[in-house]
Amino acid sequence: MAEPETTQQSAAAQRPRPDRPRISVLLVDDHQVVRRGLRTFLEVQDNIEVVGEASDGAEGVARAEELRPGVVLMDVKMPDTDGIEALRRLRELQNPARVLVVTSFTEQRTVIPALRAGAAGYVYKDVDPDALAGAIHSVYAGHVLL
């Protein structure tokens, strides 16, 4: 029979894993409830730190330039400057952030332009939370994720 987990073991399980780098993440979505939900989930993940938020693409580009996150979680459809245009601007600025598109749109007419504009990955908003954390680690490591 296994021994019950001690408080010390439990605290150790919550510490960032030394074999994985700490990933700074910027959230860009026009819906505050989505940003808040993502922040709440990501703040309890090992090695992931939410460093900022933006409510449209133009603000997202400005925040990415200011904060220099490792990964940007970007919605595609937003008012004013959408995610595709924001991706193009980030590439023009040679911003090194890896962009993971997180959207509810499944049509190829949004997937392909996002990838052409420089997205490192594309996941749907109904993604399993653990899969989202894995996707962040994957694109940060340089992989393309669909």
C-alpha atoms as a PDB file:
ATOM      1  CA  MET A   1       0.000   0.000   0.000  1.00  0.00           C
ATOM      2  CA  ALA A   2       1.354   3.442  -0.968  1.00  0.00           C
ATOM      3  CA  GLU A   3       2.013   5.988   1.728  1.00  0.00           C
ATOM      4  CA  PRO A   4      -0.159   9.113   1.753  1.00  0.00           C
ATOM      5  CA  GLU A   5       1.429  12.118   0.081  1.00  0.00           C
ATOM      6  CA  THR A   6       3.056  14.453   2.550  1.00  0.00           C
ATOM      7  CA  THR A   7       2.758  18.220   2.455  1.00  0.00           C
ATOM      8  CA  GLN A   8       6.411  18.412   1.433  1.00  0.00           C
ATOM      9  CA  GLN A   9       5.850  16.052  -1.511  1.00  0.00           C
ATOM     10  CA  SER A  10       2.752  17.989  -2.552  1.00  0.00           C
ATOM     11  CA  ALA A  11       4.651  21.301  -2.494  1.00  0.00           C
ATOM     12  CA  ALA A  12       7.443  19.755  -4.538  1.00  0.00           C
ATOM     13  CA  ALA A  13       4.941  18.647  -7.174  1.00  0.00           C
ATOM     14  CA  GLN A  14       3.836  22.271  -7.620  1.00  0.00           C
ATOM     15  CA  ARG A  15       7.339  23.631  -8.260  1.00  0.00           C
ATOM     16  CA  PRO A  16       8.407  24.316 -11.853  1.00  0.00           C
ATOM     17  CA  ARG A  17      10.216  21.420 -13.469  1.00  0.00           C
ATOM     18  CA  PRO A  18      13.914  22.250 -13.843  1.00  0.00           C
ATOM     19  CA  ASP A  19      14.068  20.319 -17.131  1.00  0.00           C
ATOM     20  CA  ARG A  20      11.652  22.768 -18.753  1.00  0.00           C
ATOM     21  CA  PRO A  21      12.218  26.502 -19.202  1.00  0.00           C
ATOM     22  CA  ARG A  22       9.750  29.005 -17.768  1.00  0.00           C
ATOM     23  CA  ILE A  23       7.538  30.218 -20.620  1.00  0.00           C
ATOM     24  CA  SER A  24       6.142  33.741 -20.587  1.00  0.00           C
ATOM     25  CA  VAL A  25       2.733  33.964 -22.274  1.00  0.00           C
ATOM     26  CA  LEU A  26       0.708  36.900 -23.625  1.00  0.00           C
ATOM     27  CA  LEU A  27      -3.064  36.434 -24.049  1.00  0.00           C
ATOM     28  CA  VAL A  28      -4.710  38.234 -26.995  1.00  0.00           C
ATOM     29  CA  ASP A  29      -8.481  37.823 -27.271  1.00  0.00           C
ATOM     30  CA  ASP A  30     -11.346  40.290 -27.514  1.00  0.00           C
ATOM     31  CA  HIS A  31     -13.441  38.402 -24.947  1.00  0.00           C
ATOM     32  CA  GLN A  32     -12.472  39.183 -21.374  1.00  0.00           C
ATOM     33  CA  VAL A  33     -14.053  35.976 -20.067  1.00  0.00           C
ATOM     34  CA  VAL A  34     -11.835  33.928 -22.407  1.00  0.00           C
ATOM     35  CA  ARG A  35      -8.713  35.798 -21.301  1.00  0.00           C
ATOM     36  CA  ARG A  36      -9.669  35.391 -17.650  1.00  0.00           C
ATOM     37  CA  GLY A  37     -10.334  31.667 -18.093  1.00  0.00           C
ATOM     38  CA  LEU A  38      -7.028  31.134 -19.882  1.00  0.00           C
ATOM     39  CA  ARG A  39      -5.162  33.134 -17.240  1.00  0.00           C
ATOM     40  CA  THR A  40      -6.781  31.175 -14.406  1.00  0.00           C
ATOM     41  CA  PHE A  41      -5.851  27.859 -15.989  1.00  0.00           C
ATOM     42  CA  LEU A  42      -2.330  28.835 -17.052  1.00  0.00           C
ATOM     43  CA  GLU A  43      -1.368  30.362 -13.707  1.00  0.00           C
ATOM     44  CA  VAL A  44      -1.522  26.927 -12.078  1.00  0.00           C
ATOM     45  CA  GLN A  45       0.664  25.292 -14.737  1.00  0.00           C
ATOM     46  CA  ASP A  46       4.289  24.431 -14.114  1.00  0.00           C
ATOM     47  CA  ASN A  47       6.726  26.609 -16.023  1.00  0.00           C
ATOM     48  CA  ILE A  48       4.095  28.933 -17.575  1.00  0.00           C
ATOM     49  CA  GLU A  49       3.673  32.564 -16.556  1.00  0.00           C
ATOM     50  CA  VAL A  50       1.025  34.882 -18.005  1.00  0.00           C
ATOM     51  CA  VAL A  51       2.807  38.219 -18.413  1.00  0.00           C
ATOM     52  CA  GLY A  52       0.038  40.257 -20.013  1.00  0.00           C
ATOM     53  CA  GLU A  53      -3.212  40.540 -21.923  1.00  0.00           C
ATOM     54  CA  ALA A  54      -4.570  42.441 -24.914  1.00  0.00           C
ATOM     55  CA  SER A  55      -8.088  42.821 -26.295  1.00  0.00           C
ATOM     56  CA  ASP A  56      -7.286  43.180 -30.010  1.00  0.00           C
ATOM     57  CA  GLY A  57      -4.509  42.568 -32.486  1.00  0.00           C
ATOM     58  CA  ALA A  58      -2.996  46.065 -32.443  1.00  0.00           C
ATOM     59  CA  GLU A  59      -2.799  46.062 -28.654  1.00  0.00           C
ATOM     60  CA  GLY A  60      -1.434  42.520 -28.815  1.00  0.00           C
ATOM     61  CA  VAL A  61       1.405  43.595 -31.110  1.00  0.00           C
ATOM     62  CA  ALA A  62       2.240  46.544 -28.848  1.00  0.00           C
ATOM     63  CA  ARG A  63       2.196  44.353 -25.728  1.00  0.00           C
ATOM     64  CA  ALA A  64       4.303  41.679 -27.446  1.00  0.00           C
ATOM     65  CA  GLU A  65       6.906  44.298 -28.336  1.00  0.00           C
ATOM     66  CA  GLU A  66       6.870  45.638 -24.761  1.00  0.00           C
ATOM     67  CA  LEU A  67       6.824  42.316 -22.889  1.00  0.00           C
ATOM     68  CA  ARG A  68       8.714  40.053 -25.335  1.00  0.00           C
ATOM     69  CA  PRO A  69       6.848  36.873 -24.336  1.00  0.00           C
ATOM     70  CA  GLY A  70       7.969  33.445 -25.435  1.00  0.00           C
ATOM     71  CA  VAL A  71       4.467  32.531 -26.639  1.00  0.00           C
ATOM     72  CA  VAL A  72       1.438  34.579 -27.667  1.00  0.00           C
ATOM     73  CA  LEU A  73      -1.999  32.940 -27.499  1.00  0.00           C
ATOM     74  CA  MET A  74      -3.923  34.812 -30.216  1.00  0.00           C
ATOM     75  CA  ASP A  75      -7.538  34.733 -31.318  1.00  0.00           C
ATOM     76  CA  VAL A  76      -8.136  35.141 -35.059  1.00  0.00           C
ATOM     77  CA  LYS A  77     -11.414  37.059 -35.189  1.00  0.00           C
ATOM     78  CA  MET A  78     -11.221  40.319 -33.256  1.00  0.00           C
ATOM     79  CA  PRO A  79     -12.537  43.806 -33.971  1.00  0.00           C
ATOM     80  CA  ASP A  80     -10.283  46.396 -35.570  1.00  0.00           C
ATOM     81  CA  THR A  81      -6.987  44.519 -36.004  1.00  0.00           C
ATOM     82  CA  ASP A  82      -7.612  40.780 -36.277  1.00  0.00           C
ATOM     83  CA  GLY A  83      -5.199  38.011 -35.379  1.00  0.00           C
ATOM     84  CA  ILE A  84      -3.977  37.439 -38.935  1.00  0.00           C
ATOM     85  CA  GLU A  85      -2.959  41.080 -39.339  1.00  0.00           C
ATOM     86  CA  ALA A  86      -1.368  41.052 -35.869  1.00  0.00           C
ATOM     87  CA  LEU A  87       0.667  37.983 -36.886  1.00  0.00           C
ATOM     88  CA  ARG A  88       1.887  39.783 -40.006  1.00  0.00           C
ATOM     89  CA  ARG A  89       2.901  42.831 -37.959  1.00  0.00           C
ATOM     90  CA  LEU A  90       4.790  40.702 -35.429  1.00  0.00           C
ATOM     91  CA  ARG A  91       6.742  39.062 -38.266  1.00  0.00           C
ATOM     92  CA  GLU A  92       7.494  42.458 -39.859  1.00  0.00           C
ATOM     93  CA  LEU A  93       8.853  43.602 -36.494  1.00  0.00           C
ATOM     94  CA  GLN A  94      10.837  40.359 -36.269  1.00  0.00           C
ATOM     95  CA  ASN A  95       9.311  39.691 -32.869  1.00  0.00           C
ATOM     96  CA  PRO A  96      10.626  36.281 -31.742  1.00  0.00           C
ATOM     97  CA  ALA A  97       7.415  35.255 -29.925  1.00  0.00           C
ATOM     98  CA  ARG A  98       5.902  31.992 -31.093  1.00  0.00           C
ATOM     99  CA  VAL A  99       2.202  32.530 -31.818  1.00  0.00           C
ATOM    100  CA  LEU A 100      -0.321  29.830 -30.992  1.00  0.00           C
ATOM    101  CA  VAL A 101      -3.706  30.658 -32.486  1.00  0.00           C
ATOM    102  CA  VAL A 102      -6.530  29.725 -30.109  1.00  0.00           C
ATOM    103  CA  THR A 103      -9.862  30.151 -31.846  1.00  0.00           C
ATOM    104  CA  SER A 104     -13.351  28.805 -32.327  1.00  0.00           C
ATOM    105  CA  PHE A 105     -13.137  29.049 -36.129  1.00  0.00           C
ATOM    106  CA  THR A 106     -12.469  25.761 -37.905  1.00  0.00           C
ATOM    107  CA  GLU A 107     -12.658  26.806 -41.556  1.00  0.00           C
ATOM    108  CA  GLN A 108      -9.598  26.427 -43.762  1.00  0.00           C
ATOM    109  CA  ARG A 109     -10.059  30.048 -44.786  1.00  0.00           C
ATOM    110  CA  THR A 110      -8.822  31.053 -41.319  1.00  0.00           C
ATOM    111  CA  VAL A 111      -6.368  28.225 -40.621  1.00  0.00           C
ATOM    112  CA  ILE A 112      -4.260  28.576 -43.765  1.00  0.00           C
ATOM    113  CA  PRO A 113      -3.913  32.395 -43.649  1.00  0.00           C
ATOM    114  CA  ALA A 114      -2.904  32.172 -39.976  1.00  0.00           C
ATOM    115  CA  LEU A 115      -0.175  29.674 -40.785  1.00  0.00           C
ATOM    116  CA  ARG A 116       1.004  31.701 -43.773  1.00  0.00           C
ATOM    117  CA  ALA A 117       1.148  34.810 -41.572  1.00  0.00           C
ATOM    118  CA  GLY A 118       3.495  33.027 -39.178  1.00  0.00           C
ATOM    119  CA  ALA A 119       1.444  31.099 -36.614  1.00  0.00           C
ATOM    120  CA  ALA A 120       3.425  28.310 -34.979  1.00  0.00           C
ATOM    121  CA  GLY A 121       0.272  26.414 -34.124  1.00  0.00           C
ATOM    122  CA  TYR A 122      -3.484  26.382 -34.282  1.00  0.00           C
ATOM    123  CA  VAL A 123      -5.842  24.939 -31.657  1.00  0.00           C
ATOM    124  CA  TYR A 124      -9.546  25.306 -30.992  1.00  0.00           C
ATOM    125  CA  LYS A 125     -10.964  26.980 -27.899  1.00  0.00           C
ATOM    126  CA  ASP A 126     -12.577  23.714 -26.839  1.00  0.00           C
ATOM    127  CA  VAL A 127      -9.122  22.093 -26.535  1.00  0.00           C
ATOM    128  CA  ASP A 128      -8.510  19.964 -23.476  1.00  0.00           C
ATOM    129  CA  PRO A 129      -6.742  22.173 -20.892  1.00  0.00           C
ATOM    130  CA  ASP A 130      -3.822  19.786 -20.501  1.00  0.00           C
ATOM    131  CA  ALA A 131      -3.457  19.626 -24.286  1.00  0.00           C
ATOM    132  CA  LEU A 132      -3.321  23.442 -24.361  1.00  0.00           C
ATOM    133  CA  ALA A 133      -0.469  23.469 -21.858  1.00  0.00           C
ATOM    134  CA  GLY A 134       1.289  20.829 -23.970  1.00  0.00           C
ATOM    135  CA  ALA A 135       0.703  22.926 -27.097  1.00  0.00           C
ATOM    136  CA  ILE A 136       2.306  25.958 -25.450  1.00  0.00           C
ATOM    137  CA  HIS A 137       5.376  23.907 -24.537  1.00  0.00           C
ATOM    138  CA  SER A 138       5.479  22.401 -28.028  1.00  0.00           C
ATOM    139  CA  VAL A 139       5.388  25.681 -29.993  1.00  0.00           C
ATOM    140  CA  TYR A 140       7.825  27.270 -27.546  1.00  0.00           C
ATOM    141  CA  ALA A 141      10.220  24.404 -28.310  1.00  0.00           C
ATOM    142  CA  GLY A 142      10.027  25.263 -32.005  1.00  0.00           C
ATOM    143  CA  HIS A 143       7.479  22.735 -33.211  1.00  0.00           C
ATOM    144  CA  VAL A 144       4.549  23.489 -35.525  1.00  0.00           C
ATOM    145  CA  LEU A 145       1.274  22.325 -34.067  1.00  0.00           C
ATOM    146  CA  LEU A 146      -2.046  21.721 -35.805  1.00  0.00           C
END
